[in-house]
Amino acid sequence: MIIVTGATGQLGRAVVQNLLRRFPADQIGASVRDADKASGLAAQGVDVRVGDFADANGLAKAFANADQVLIVSADKLGEEALRLHRSAIQAARRAGVRRVLYTSHMGARVGSPFPPADQHAGTEAELAESGLAYTALRHGFYAESCLQMIGDDLTSGELRTPEDGPTSWTARADLAEGDAAILVADRDWNGTTPPLTAATAITMAEIAVIASAVTGREVRHTIIPDDEWRDAKVAAGMPSFYVDMLLGMFRAARCGDFAATDPTLETLLGRPPRTMRDVLSAAIA
C-alpha cells in the first residue's frame, strides 16, 4: 500500500493520478483532511483516509498497513512547518511504515536565505535521525511559482526584479510524474535524490526574452534594488511575510542555490521535462 498525503492538493492529487496509471487502485491510499474533497479519488477506487499532520495519533491510523508514505510538505513556514513534518514522521514510525518519501527542494540547506529551503533541510535532518528508511525528493523550483511571481509584469511589458541567478524552473506535473515513478520503482531510492529538474537553468532576463517570443510583445527586464522591489510589492497589497520569502528566493538564486540541473527527472519520465517556454506557452494559451 502506498499512501499519499495532501492528496487533494495540486501536487498530491497529480501524484495519485500518475500512480493510478502504474499501480492497482486498491493499493493506493490518500490521506486528506477533508474526505468530501477526495470523493473523486474514492470513485476511482483509491482508499481515502482522514489524516491531519497536526494529529499524530490520527495520522498513524491513516498510515495503517502502508508500505510507503509520501509526505507532501506542508504549505506553512518556519517552525510550524517543521513541527507538522515531525508529526507526520512520528506517525509513520508508529504505523510501522517501511519507507517515508518527502517532497523536499533542490536548494535545501541550513541557513538558506530562502526560508522554505532552510526548513526542508531541517526536515531532511529529522528523517535521517528517525531510524526510518527515507527518500528526500529534491524537487526543482516549481515553474508555476515563477508564473505567479511575474504574471503582472508580463502583462505590463516590463519584468522588474531584484538581481537573481539561474534557476532550473520545473513543471509541477513533471515532478508529480517523477515522484510516482520513484514510488513504484523496482529499487529503493535511499537518502536524498539528485536534483529533479528541467534540463536548463535560466535567469529572469532570459524569461523576459522567452515571454517576448511567446506573446509577440516586447517584455523588458529591469533589475531594481531589493528594498525597492520589496516596497513595491507591499504597496501593491502583498503580505510582507510573503514578500520577504520571495526576496529570499532571489538572494538564494544569486548564491547559485537553484542553478543545478540533472538528467534524473528526464530518465524517470522517459522524455525531456517541460521547458519554461512550454509552461509559459500553456499559461498564455
C-alpha atoms as a PDB file:
ATOM      1  CA  MET A   1       0.000   0.000   0.000  1.00  0.00           C
ATOM      2  CA  ILE A   2       1.229   3.470  -0.960  1.00  0.00           C
ATOM      3  CA  ILE A   3      -0.259   6.402   0.979  1.00  0.00           C
ATOM      4  CA  VAL A   4      -0.042   9.940  -0.406  1.00  0.00           C
ATOM      5  CA  THR A   5      -0.668  12.839   1.958  1.00  0.00           C
ATOM      6  CA  GLY A   6      -2.181  16.111   0.793  1.00  0.00           C
ATOM      7  CA  ALA A   7      -3.900  14.174  -1.974  1.00  0.00           C
ATOM      8  CA  THR A   8      -6.427  16.919  -2.690  1.00  0.00           C
ATOM      9  CA  GLY A   9      -3.669  19.482  -3.311  1.00  0.00           C
ATOM     10  CA  GLN A  10      -2.164  20.221  -6.704  1.00  0.00           C
ATOM     11  CA  LEU A  11       0.916  18.031  -6.319  1.00  0.00           C
ATOM     12  CA  GLY A  12      -0.597  15.247  -4.220  1.00  0.00           C
ATOM     13  CA  ARG A  13      -3.594  14.762  -6.493  1.00  0.00           C
ATOM     14  CA  ALA A  14      -1.322  14.651  -9.550  1.00  0.00           C
ATOM     15  CA  VAL A  15       0.902  12.035  -7.894  1.00  0.00           C
ATOM     16  CA  VAL A  16      -2.149   9.858  -7.177  1.00  0.00           C
ATOM     17  CA  GLN A  17      -3.368  10.168 -10.771  1.00  0.00           C
ATOM     18  CA  ASN A  18       0.043   9.083 -12.020  1.00  0.00           C
ATOM     19  CA  LEU A  19       0.096   6.170  -9.574  1.00  0.00           C
ATOM     20  CA  LEU A  20      -3.287   5.027 -10.880  1.00  0.00           C
ATOM     21  CA  ARG A  21      -1.678   4.555 -14.307  1.00  0.00           C
ATOM     22  CA  ARG A  22       1.029   2.330 -12.824  1.00  0.00           C
ATOM     23  CA  PHE A  23      -0.361   0.603  -9.741  1.00  0.00           C
ATOM     24  CA  PRO A  24      -3.616  -1.125  -8.643  1.00  0.00           C
ATOM     25  CA  ALA A  25      -6.108   1.392  -7.257  1.00  0.00           C
ATOM     26  CA  ASP A  26      -6.837  -0.764  -4.213  1.00  0.00           C
ATOM     27  CA  GLN A  27      -3.167  -0.453  -3.239  1.00  0.00           C
ATOM     28  CA  ILE A  28      -3.208   3.353  -3.280  1.00  0.00           C
ATOM     29  CA  GLY A  29      -4.326   5.431  -0.300  1.00  0.00           C
ATOM     30  CA  ALA A  30      -4.995   9.138   0.008  1.00  0.00           C
ATOM     31  CA  SER A  31      -4.531  10.839   3.374  1.00  0.00           C
ATOM     32  CA  VAL A  32      -6.617  14.023   3.421  1.00  0.00           C
ATOM     33  CA  ARG A  33      -8.084  16.377   5.998  1.00  0.00           C
ATOM     34  CA  ASP A  34     -11.478  16.575   4.260  1.00  0.00           C
ATOM     35  CA  ALA A  35     -12.725  13.302   2.774  1.00  0.00           C
ATOM     36  CA  ASP A  36     -15.502  15.079   0.873  1.00  0.00           C
ATOM     37  CA  LYS A  37     -12.892  16.852  -1.255  1.00  0.00           C
ATOM     38  CA  ALA A  38     -11.443  13.455  -2.212  1.00  0.00           C
ATOM     39  CA  SER A  39     -14.712  11.929  -3.439  1.00  0.00           C
ATOM     40  CA  GLY A  40     -13.355  11.863  -6.992  1.00  0.00           C
ATOM     41  CA  LEU A  41     -10.393   9.787  -5.870  1.00  0.00           C
ATOM     42  CA  ALA A  42     -12.661   7.424  -3.929  1.00  0.00           C
ATOM     43  CA  ALA A  43     -14.745   6.939  -7.079  1.00  0.00           C
ATOM     44  CA  GLN A  44     -11.560   5.768  -8.837  1.00  0.00           C
ATOM     45  CA  GLY A  45     -11.017   3.095  -6.202  1.00  0.00           C
ATOM     46  CA  VAL A  46      -8.474   4.959  -4.067  1.00  0.00           C
ATOM     47  CA  ASP A  47      -8.635   4.224  -0.327  1.00  0.00           C
ATOM     48  CA  VAL A  48      -9.410   7.675   1.119  1.00  0.00           C
ATOM     49  CA  ARG A  49      -8.368   8.115   4.754  1.00  0.00           C
ATOM     50  CA  VAL A  50      -8.715  11.124   7.031  1.00  0.00           C
ATOM     51  CA  GLY A  51      -5.403  12.354   8.384  1.00  0.00           C
ATOM     52  CA  ASP A  52      -4.060  15.659   9.673  1.00  0.00           C
ATOM     53  CA  PHE A  53      -0.378  16.474  10.272  1.00  0.00           C
ATOM     54  CA  ALA A  54      -1.441  18.248  13.452  1.00  0.00           C
ATOM     55  CA  ASP A  55      -2.823  14.982  14.885  1.00  0.00           C
ATOM     56  CA  ALA A  56      -0.053  12.370  15.032  1.00  0.00           C
ATOM     57  CA  ASN A  57      -2.302   9.707  16.567  1.00  0.00           C
ATOM     58  CA  GLY A  58      -4.992  10.096  13.932  1.00  0.00           C
ATOM     59  CA  LEU A  59      -2.364  10.239  11.195  1.00  0.00           C
ATOM     60  CA  ALA A  60      -0.865   6.933  12.368  1.00  0.00           C
ATOM     61  CA  LYS A  61      -4.284   5.357  11.769  1.00  0.00           C
ATOM     62  CA  ALA A  62      -4.392   6.901   8.295  1.00  0.00           C
ATOM     63  CA  PHE A  63      -0.977   5.328   7.606  1.00  0.00           C
ATOM     64  CA  ALA A  64      -2.017   1.842   8.826  1.00  0.00           C
ATOM     65  CA  ASN A  65      -0.796  -1.046   6.643  1.00  0.00           C
ATOM     66  CA  ALA A  66       1.203   1.298   4.408  1.00  0.00           C
ATOM     67  CA  ASP A  67       4.451   0.072   2.918  1.00  0.00           C
ATOM     68  CA  GLN A  68       5.388   3.562   1.725  1.00  0.00           C
ATOM     69  CA  VAL A  69       4.098   7.024   2.639  1.00  0.00           C
ATOM     70  CA  LEU A  70       4.684  10.131   0.565  1.00  0.00           C
ATOM     71  CA  ILE A  71       4.705  13.162   2.851  1.00  0.00           C
ATOM     72  CA  VAL A  72       3.877  16.177   0.716  1.00  0.00           C
ATOM     73  CA  SER A  73       5.440  19.118   2.538  1.00  0.00           C
ATOM     74  CA  ALA A  74       3.046  21.382   4.409  1.00  0.00           C
ATOM     75  CA  ASP A  75       2.148  24.765   2.954  1.00  0.00           C
ATOM     76  CA  LYS A  76       3.495  26.503   6.043  1.00  0.00           C
ATOM     77  CA  LEU A  77       6.656  28.349   7.034  1.00  0.00           C
ATOM     78  CA  GLY A  78       9.245  28.094   9.766  1.00  0.00           C
ATOM     79  CA  GLU A  79       8.800  26.167  12.974  1.00  0.00           C
ATOM     80  CA  GLU A  80       5.159  25.374  12.202  1.00  0.00           C
ATOM     81  CA  ALA A  81       6.197  23.503   9.048  1.00  0.00           C
ATOM     82  CA  LEU A  82       8.938  21.626  10.914  1.00  0.00           C
ATOM     83  CA  ARG A  83       6.507  20.658  13.664  1.00  0.00           C
ATOM     84  CA  LEU A  84       3.928  19.329  11.196  1.00  0.00           C
ATOM     85  CA  HIS A  85       6.513  17.338   9.269  1.00  0.00           C
ATOM     86  CA  ARG A  86       7.879  15.945  12.542  1.00  0.00           C
ATOM     87  CA  SER A  87       4.381  14.824  13.469  1.00  0.00           C
ATOM     88  CA  ALA A  88       3.991  13.013  10.130  1.00  0.00           C
ATOM     89  CA  ILE A  89       7.349  11.269  10.526  1.00  0.00           C
ATOM     90  CA  GLN A  90       6.418  10.133  14.032  1.00  0.00           C
ATOM     91  CA  ALA A  91       3.068   8.859  12.765  1.00  0.00           C
ATOM     92  CA  ALA A  92       4.792   6.853  10.038  1.00  0.00           C
ATOM     93  CA  ARG A  93       7.126   5.265  12.566  1.00  0.00           C
ATOM     94  CA  ARG A  94       4.206   4.464  14.854  1.00  0.00           C
ATOM     95  CA  ALA A  95       2.318   2.857  11.974  1.00  0.00           C
ATOM     96  CA  GLY A  96       5.264   0.659  11.017  1.00  0.00           C
ATOM     97  CA  VAL A  97       5.732   2.198   7.578  1.00  0.00           C
ATOM     98  CA  ARG A  98       8.709   0.707   5.713  1.00  0.00           C
ATOM     99  CA  ARG A  99       9.735   3.865   3.832  1.00  0.00           C
ATOM    100  CA  VAL A 100       8.894   7.556   4.015  1.00  0.00           C
ATOM    101  CA  LEU A 101       9.274   9.798   0.999  1.00  0.00           C
ATOM    102  CA  TYR A 102       9.249  13.552   1.477  1.00  0.00           C
ATOM    103  CA  THR A 103       8.872  16.341  -1.078  1.00  0.00           C
ATOM    104  CA  SER A 104      11.963  18.435  -0.425  1.00  0.00           C
ATOM    105  CA  HIS A 105      13.673  21.080  -2.562  1.00  0.00           C
ATOM    106  CA  MET A 106      16.793  21.206  -4.705  1.00  0.00           C
ATOM    107  CA  GLY A 107      18.007  24.247  -2.750  1.00  0.00           C
ATOM    108  CA  ALA A 108      17.601  22.669   0.683  1.00  0.00           C
ATOM    109  CA  ARG A 109      20.352  23.830   3.011  1.00  0.00           C
ATOM    110  CA  VAL A 110      20.638  25.104   6.557  1.00  0.00           C
ATOM    111  CA  GLY A 111      20.869  28.879   6.626  1.00  0.00           C
ATOM    112  CA  SER A 112      19.456  29.432   3.147  1.00  0.00           C
ATOM    113  CA  PRO A 113      18.102  32.968   2.664  1.00  0.00           C
ATOM    114  CA  PHE A 114      15.031  31.271   1.149  1.00  0.00           C
ATOM    115  CA  PRO A 115      13.101  30.166   4.282  1.00  0.00           C
ATOM    116  CA  PRO A 116      11.434  27.050   2.773  1.00  0.00           C
ATOM    117  CA  ALA A 117      14.850  25.714   1.709  1.00  0.00           C
ATOM    118  CA  ASP A 118      16.105  26.027   5.285  1.00  0.00           C
ATOM    119  CA  GLN A 119      13.071  24.210   6.691  1.00  0.00           C
ATOM    120  CA  HIS A 120      13.359  21.453   4.070  1.00  0.00           C
ATOM    121  CA  ALA A 121      16.920  20.900   5.273  1.00  0.00           C
ATOM    122  CA  GLY A 122      15.605  20.671   8.826  1.00  0.00           C
ATOM    123  CA  THR A 123      13.043  18.021   7.893  1.00  0.00           C
ATOM    124  CA  GLU A 124      15.643  16.064   5.917  1.00  0.00           C
ATOM    125  CA  ALA A 125      17.809  16.006   9.058  1.00  0.00           C
ATOM    126  CA  GLU A 126      14.887  14.713  11.121  1.00  0.00           C
ATOM    127  CA  LEU A 127      14.241  11.977   8.566  1.00  0.00           C
ATOM    128  CA  ALA A 128      17.897  10.949   8.744  1.00  0.00           C
ATOM    129  CA  GLU A 129      17.641  10.717  12.526  1.00  0.00           C
ATOM    130  CA  SER A 130      14.256   8.947  12.564  1.00  0.00           C
ATOM    131  CA  GLY A 131      15.530   5.410  12.057  1.00  0.00           C
ATOM    132  CA  LEU A 132      13.152   5.015   9.101  1.00  0.00           C
ATOM    133  CA  ALA A 133      14.206   4.264   5.555  1.00  0.00           C
ATOM    134  CA  TYR A 134      13.568   7.507   3.695  1.00  0.00           C
ATOM    135  CA  THR A 135      13.831   9.305   0.388  1.00  0.00           C
ATOM    136  CA  ALA A 136      14.035  13.097   0.184  1.00  0.00           C
ATOM    137  CA  LEU A 137      12.736  14.113  -3.239  1.00  0.00           C
ATOM    138  CA  ARG A 138      14.840  17.146  -4.194  1.00  0.00           C
ATOM    139  CA  HIS A 139      12.289  18.904  -6.394  1.00  0.00           C
ATOM    140  CA  GLY A 140      13.317  21.602  -8.814  1.00  0.00           C
ATOM    141  CA  PHE A 141      11.734  25.006  -8.268  1.00  0.00           C
ATOM    142  CA  TYR A 142       8.114  24.924  -9.449  1.00  0.00           C
ATOM    143  CA  ALA A 143       7.734  26.738 -12.755  1.00  0.00           C
ATOM    144  CA  GLU A 144       4.212  27.651 -11.653  1.00  0.00           C
ATOM    145  CA  SER A 145       5.693  29.641  -8.766  1.00  0.00           C
ATOM    146  CA  CYS A 146       7.625  31.693 -11.291  1.00  0.00           C
ATOM    147  CA  LEU A 147       4.424  32.439 -13.201  1.00  0.00           C
ATOM    148  CA  GLN A 148       2.756  33.668 -10.006  1.00  0.00           C
ATOM    149  CA  MET A 149       5.711  35.956  -9.302  1.00  0.00           C
ATOM    150  CA  ILE A 150       5.949  37.560 -12.740  1.00  0.00           C
ATOM    151  CA  GLY A 151       2.401  37.449 -14.124  1.00  0.00           C
ATOM    152  CA  ASP A 152       1.545  41.132 -13.647  1.00  0.00           C
ATOM    153  CA  ASP A 153       4.909  42.233 -15.006  1.00  0.00           C
ATOM    154  CA  LEU A 154       4.424  40.205 -18.173  1.00  0.00           C
ATOM    155  CA  THR A 155       1.137  41.997 -18.718  1.00  0.00           C
ATOM    156  CA  SER A 156       2.743  45.409 -18.250  1.00  0.00           C
ATOM    157  CA  GLY A 157       5.620  44.610 -20.576  1.00  0.00           C
ATOM    158  CA  GLU A 158       8.379  45.154 -18.009  1.00  0.00           C
ATOM    159  CA  LEU A 159       9.704  42.429 -15.738  1.00  0.00           C
ATOM    160  CA  ARG A 160      11.102  44.280 -12.717  1.00  0.00           C
ATOM    161  CA  THR A 161      13.003  42.046 -10.313  1.00  0.00           C
ATOM    162  CA  PRO A 162      15.878  42.082  -7.863  1.00  0.00           C
ATOM    163  CA  GLU A 163      19.140  40.626  -9.093  1.00  0.00           C
ATOM    164  CA  ASP A 164      18.720  36.857  -9.474  1.00  0.00           C
ATOM    165  CA  GLY A 165      20.660  33.829 -10.692  1.00  0.00           C
ATOM    166  CA  PRO A 166      19.961  30.837 -12.933  1.00  0.00           C
ATOM    167  CA  THR A 167      17.038  28.720 -11.730  1.00  0.00           C
ATOM    168  CA  SER A 168      16.016  25.321 -13.097  1.00  0.00           C
ATOM    169  CA  TRP A 169      12.274  26.029 -13.166  1.00  0.00           C
ATOM    170  CA  THR A 170      10.488  22.661 -13.334  1.00  0.00           C
ATOM    171  CA  ALA A 171       6.854  21.885 -14.126  1.00  0.00           C
ATOM    172  CA  ARG A 172       4.859  20.560 -11.197  1.00  0.00           C
ATOM    173  CA  ALA A 173       3.193  17.963 -13.433  1.00  0.00           C
ATOM    174  CA  ASP A 174       6.595  16.528 -14.371  1.00  0.00           C
ATOM    175  CA  LEU A 175       7.614  16.316 -10.725  1.00  0.00           C
ATOM    176  CA  ALA A 176       4.370  14.521  -9.834  1.00  0.00           C
ATOM    177  CA  GLU A 177       5.011  12.001 -12.596  1.00  0.00           C
ATOM    178  CA  GLY A 178       8.604  11.545 -11.444  1.00  0.00           C
ATOM    179  CA  ASP A 179       7.533  11.063  -7.814  1.00  0.00           C
ATOM    180  CA  ALA A 180       5.077   8.365  -8.866  1.00  0.00           C
ATOM    181  CA  ALA A 181       7.797   6.609 -10.861  1.00  0.00           C
ATOM    182  CA  ILE A 182      10.058   6.549  -7.801  1.00  0.00           C
ATOM    183  CA  LEU A 183       7.235   5.209  -5.606  1.00  0.00           C
ATOM    184  CA  VAL A 184       6.695   2.204  -7.897  1.00  0.00           C
ATOM    185  CA  ALA A 185      10.350   1.686  -8.863  1.00  0.00           C
ATOM    186  CA  ASP A 186      11.947  -1.737  -8.580  1.00  0.00           C
ATOM    187  CA  ARG A 187      14.690  -0.283  -6.390  1.00  0.00           C
ATOM    188  CA  ASP A 188      14.608   1.906  -3.316  1.00  0.00           C
ATOM    189  CA  TRP A 189      15.913   5.464  -3.578  1.00  0.00           C
ATOM    190  CA  ASN A 190      17.828   5.932  -0.340  1.00  0.00           C
ATOM    191  CA  GLY A 191      18.538   9.338   1.199  1.00  0.00           C
ATOM    192  CA  THR A 192      18.347  12.454  -0.936  1.00  0.00           C
ATOM    193  CA  THR A 193      17.738  12.189  -4.666  1.00  0.00           C
ATOM    194  CA  PRO A 194      19.745  14.109  -7.240  1.00  0.00           C
ATOM    195  CA  PRO A 195      18.050  17.390  -8.174  1.00  0.00           C
ATOM    196  CA  LEU A 196      14.826  16.541 -10.010  1.00  0.00           C
ATOM    197  CA  THR A 197      14.899  19.367 -12.516  1.00  0.00           C
ATOM    198  CA  ALA A 198      14.242  20.546 -16.016  1.00  0.00           C
ATOM    199  CA  ALA A 199      17.190  20.384 -18.395  1.00  0.00           C
ATOM    200  CA  THR A 200      18.271  24.025 -18.194  1.00  0.00           C
ATOM    201  CA  ALA A 201      18.555  26.803 -15.617  1.00  0.00           C
ATOM    202  CA  ILE A 202      17.635  30.306 -16.753  1.00  0.00           C
ATOM    203  CA  THR A 203      17.598  33.827 -15.375  1.00  0.00           C
ATOM    204  CA  MET A 204      14.790  36.352 -15.223  1.00  0.00           C
ATOM    205  CA  ALA A 205      16.394  38.184 -18.146  1.00  0.00           C
ATOM    206  CA  GLU A 206      16.093  35.001 -20.213  1.00  0.00           C
ATOM    207  CA  ILE A 207      12.478  34.576 -19.107  1.00  0.00           C
ATOM    208  CA  ALA A 208      11.737  38.067 -20.428  1.00  0.00           C
ATOM    209  CA  VAL A 209      13.186  37.042 -23.801  1.00  0.00           C
ATOM    210  CA  ILE A 210      11.084  33.864 -23.834  1.00  0.00           C
ATOM    211  CA  ALA A 211       7.954  35.797 -22.829  1.00  0.00           C
ATOM    212  CA  SER A 212       8.558  38.290 -25.631  1.00  0.00           C
ATOM    213  CA  ALA A 213       8.764  35.466 -28.159  1.00  0.00           C
ATOM    214  CA  VAL A 214       5.701  33.640 -26.798  1.00  0.00           C
ATOM    215  CA  THR A 215       3.459  36.710 -26.501  1.00  0.00           C
ATOM    216  CA  GLY A 216       4.688  38.582 -29.561  1.00  0.00           C
ATOM    217  CA  ARG A 217       5.092  41.679 -27.371  1.00  0.00           C
ATOM    218  CA  GLU A 218       8.337  43.031 -26.015  1.00  0.00           C
ATOM    219  CA  VAL A 219       8.894  42.249 -22.342  1.00  0.00           C
ATOM    220  CA  ARG A 220      11.839  44.184 -20.920  1.00  0.00           C
ATOM    221  CA  HIS A 221      13.792  43.021 -17.881  1.00  0.00           C
ATOM    222  CA  THR A 222      14.901  45.635 -15.351  1.00  0.00           C
ATOM    223  CA  ILE A 223      16.926  44.901 -12.228  1.00  0.00           C
ATOM    224  CA  ILE A 224      15.931  47.032  -9.253  1.00  0.00           C
ATOM    225  CA  PRO A 225      17.297  47.177  -5.678  1.00  0.00           C
ATOM    226  CA  ASP A 226      15.939  44.646  -3.209  1.00  0.00           C
ATOM    227  CA  ASP A 227      14.341  47.297  -0.998  1.00  0.00           C
ATOM    228  CA  GLU A 228      12.641  48.986  -3.948  1.00  0.00           C
ATOM    229  CA  TRP A 229      11.190  45.701  -5.111  1.00  0.00           C
ATOM    230  CA  ARG A 230      10.029  44.838  -1.598  1.00  0.00           C
ATOM    231  CA  ASP A 231       8.357  48.206  -1.072  1.00  0.00           C
ATOM    232  CA  ALA A 232       6.549  47.979  -4.413  1.00  0.00           C
ATOM    233  CA  LYS A 233       5.166  44.529  -3.627  1.00  0.00           C
ATOM    234  CA  VAL A 234       3.980  45.535  -0.159  1.00  0.00           C
ATOM    235  CA  ALA A 235       2.385  48.695  -1.595  1.00  0.00           C
ATOM    236  CA  ALA A 236       0.566  46.509  -4.119  1.00  0.00           C
ATOM    237  CA  GLY A 237      -1.016  44.564  -1.264  1.00  0.00           C
ATOM    238  CA  MET A 238       1.221  41.501  -0.982  1.00  0.00           C
ATOM    239  CA  PRO A 239       1.659  40.384   2.670  1.00  0.00           C
ATOM    240  CA  SER A 240       5.077  41.417   3.968  1.00  0.00           C
ATOM    241  CA  PHE A 241       5.992  37.910   5.192  1.00  0.00           C
ATOM    242  CA  TYR A 242       5.361  36.559   1.701  1.00  0.00           C
ATOM    243  CA  VAL A 243       7.360  39.352   0.088  1.00  0.00           C
ATOM    244  CA  ASP A 244      10.285  38.591   2.399  1.00  0.00           C
ATOM    245  CA  MET A 245      10.097  34.906   1.466  1.00  0.00           C
ATOM    246  CA  LEU A 246      10.194  35.732  -2.253  1.00  0.00           C
ATOM    247  CA  LEU A 247      13.046  38.169  -1.753  1.00  0.00           C
ATOM    248  CA  GLY A 248      14.898  35.328  -0.047  1.00  0.00           C
ATOM    249  CA  MET A 249      14.392  33.297  -3.214  1.00  0.00           C
ATOM    250  CA  PHE A 250      16.175  35.937  -5.288  1.00  0.00           C
ATOM    251  CA  ARG A 251      19.006  36.117  -2.769  1.00  0.00           C
ATOM    252  CA  ALA A 252      19.407  32.327  -2.763  1.00  0.00           C
ATOM    253  CA  ALA A 253      19.359  32.301  -6.568  1.00  0.00           C
ATOM    254  CA  ARG A 254      22.205  34.827  -6.540  1.00  0.00           C
ATOM    255  CA  CYS A 255      24.161  32.297  -4.481  1.00  0.00           C
ATOM    256  CA  GLY A 256      23.574  29.644  -7.157  1.00  0.00           C
ATOM    257  CA  ASP A 257      21.277  27.550  -4.952  1.00  0.00           C
ATOM    258  CA  PHE A 258      18.832  26.774  -7.786  1.00  0.00           C
ATOM    259  CA  ALA A 259      21.233  26.570 -10.727  1.00  0.00           C
ATOM    260  CA  ALA A 260      21.854  22.819 -10.720  1.00  0.00           C
ATOM    261  CA  THR A 261      20.379  20.628 -13.432  1.00  0.00           C
ATOM    262  CA  ASP A 262      20.374  16.838 -13.612  1.00  0.00           C
ATOM    263  CA  PRO A 263      19.141  14.167 -16.061  1.00  0.00           C
ATOM    264  CA  THR A 264      17.413  12.077 -13.381  1.00  0.00           C
ATOM    265  CA  LEU A 265      13.937  13.508 -13.948  1.00  0.00           C
ATOM    266  CA  GLU A 266      14.198  13.001 -17.710  1.00  0.00           C
ATOM    267  CA  THR A 267      15.189   9.371 -17.097  1.00  0.00           C
ATOM    268  CA  LEU A 268      12.206   8.858 -14.793  1.00  0.00           C
ATOM    269  CA  LEU A 269       9.817  10.429 -17.306  1.00  0.00           C
ATOM    270  CA  GLY A 270      11.262   8.718 -20.359  1.00  0.00           C
ATOM    271  CA  ARG A 271      11.105  12.059 -22.158  1.00  0.00           C
ATOM    272  CA  PRO A 272      12.521  15.572 -21.787  1.00  0.00           C
ATOM    273  CA  PRO A 273      10.903  17.590 -18.988  1.00  0.00           C
ATOM    274  CA  ARG A 274       8.814  20.601 -19.977  1.00  0.00           C
ATOM    275  CA  THR A 275      10.737  23.806 -20.516  1.00  0.00           C
ATOM    276  CA  MET A 276       9.864  27.236 -19.151  1.00  0.00           C
ATOM    277  CA  ARG A 277       8.816  28.144 -22.693  1.00  0.00           C
ATOM    278  CA  ASP A 278       6.384  25.203 -22.650  1.00  0.00           C
ATOM    279  CA  VAL A 279       4.968  26.328 -19.312  1.00  0.00           C
ATOM    280  CA  LEU A 280       4.649  29.962 -20.387  1.00  0.00           C
ATOM    281  CA  SER A 281       3.019  28.999 -23.675  1.00  0.00           C
ATOM    282  CA  ALA A 282       0.472  26.794 -21.919  1.00  0.00           C
ATOM    283  CA  ALA A 283      -0.338  29.507 -19.362  1.00  0.00           C
ATOM    284  CA  ILE A 284      -0.827  32.167 -22.028  1.00  0.00           C
ATOM    285  CA  ALA A 285      -2.934  29.844 -24.171  1.00  0.00           C
END
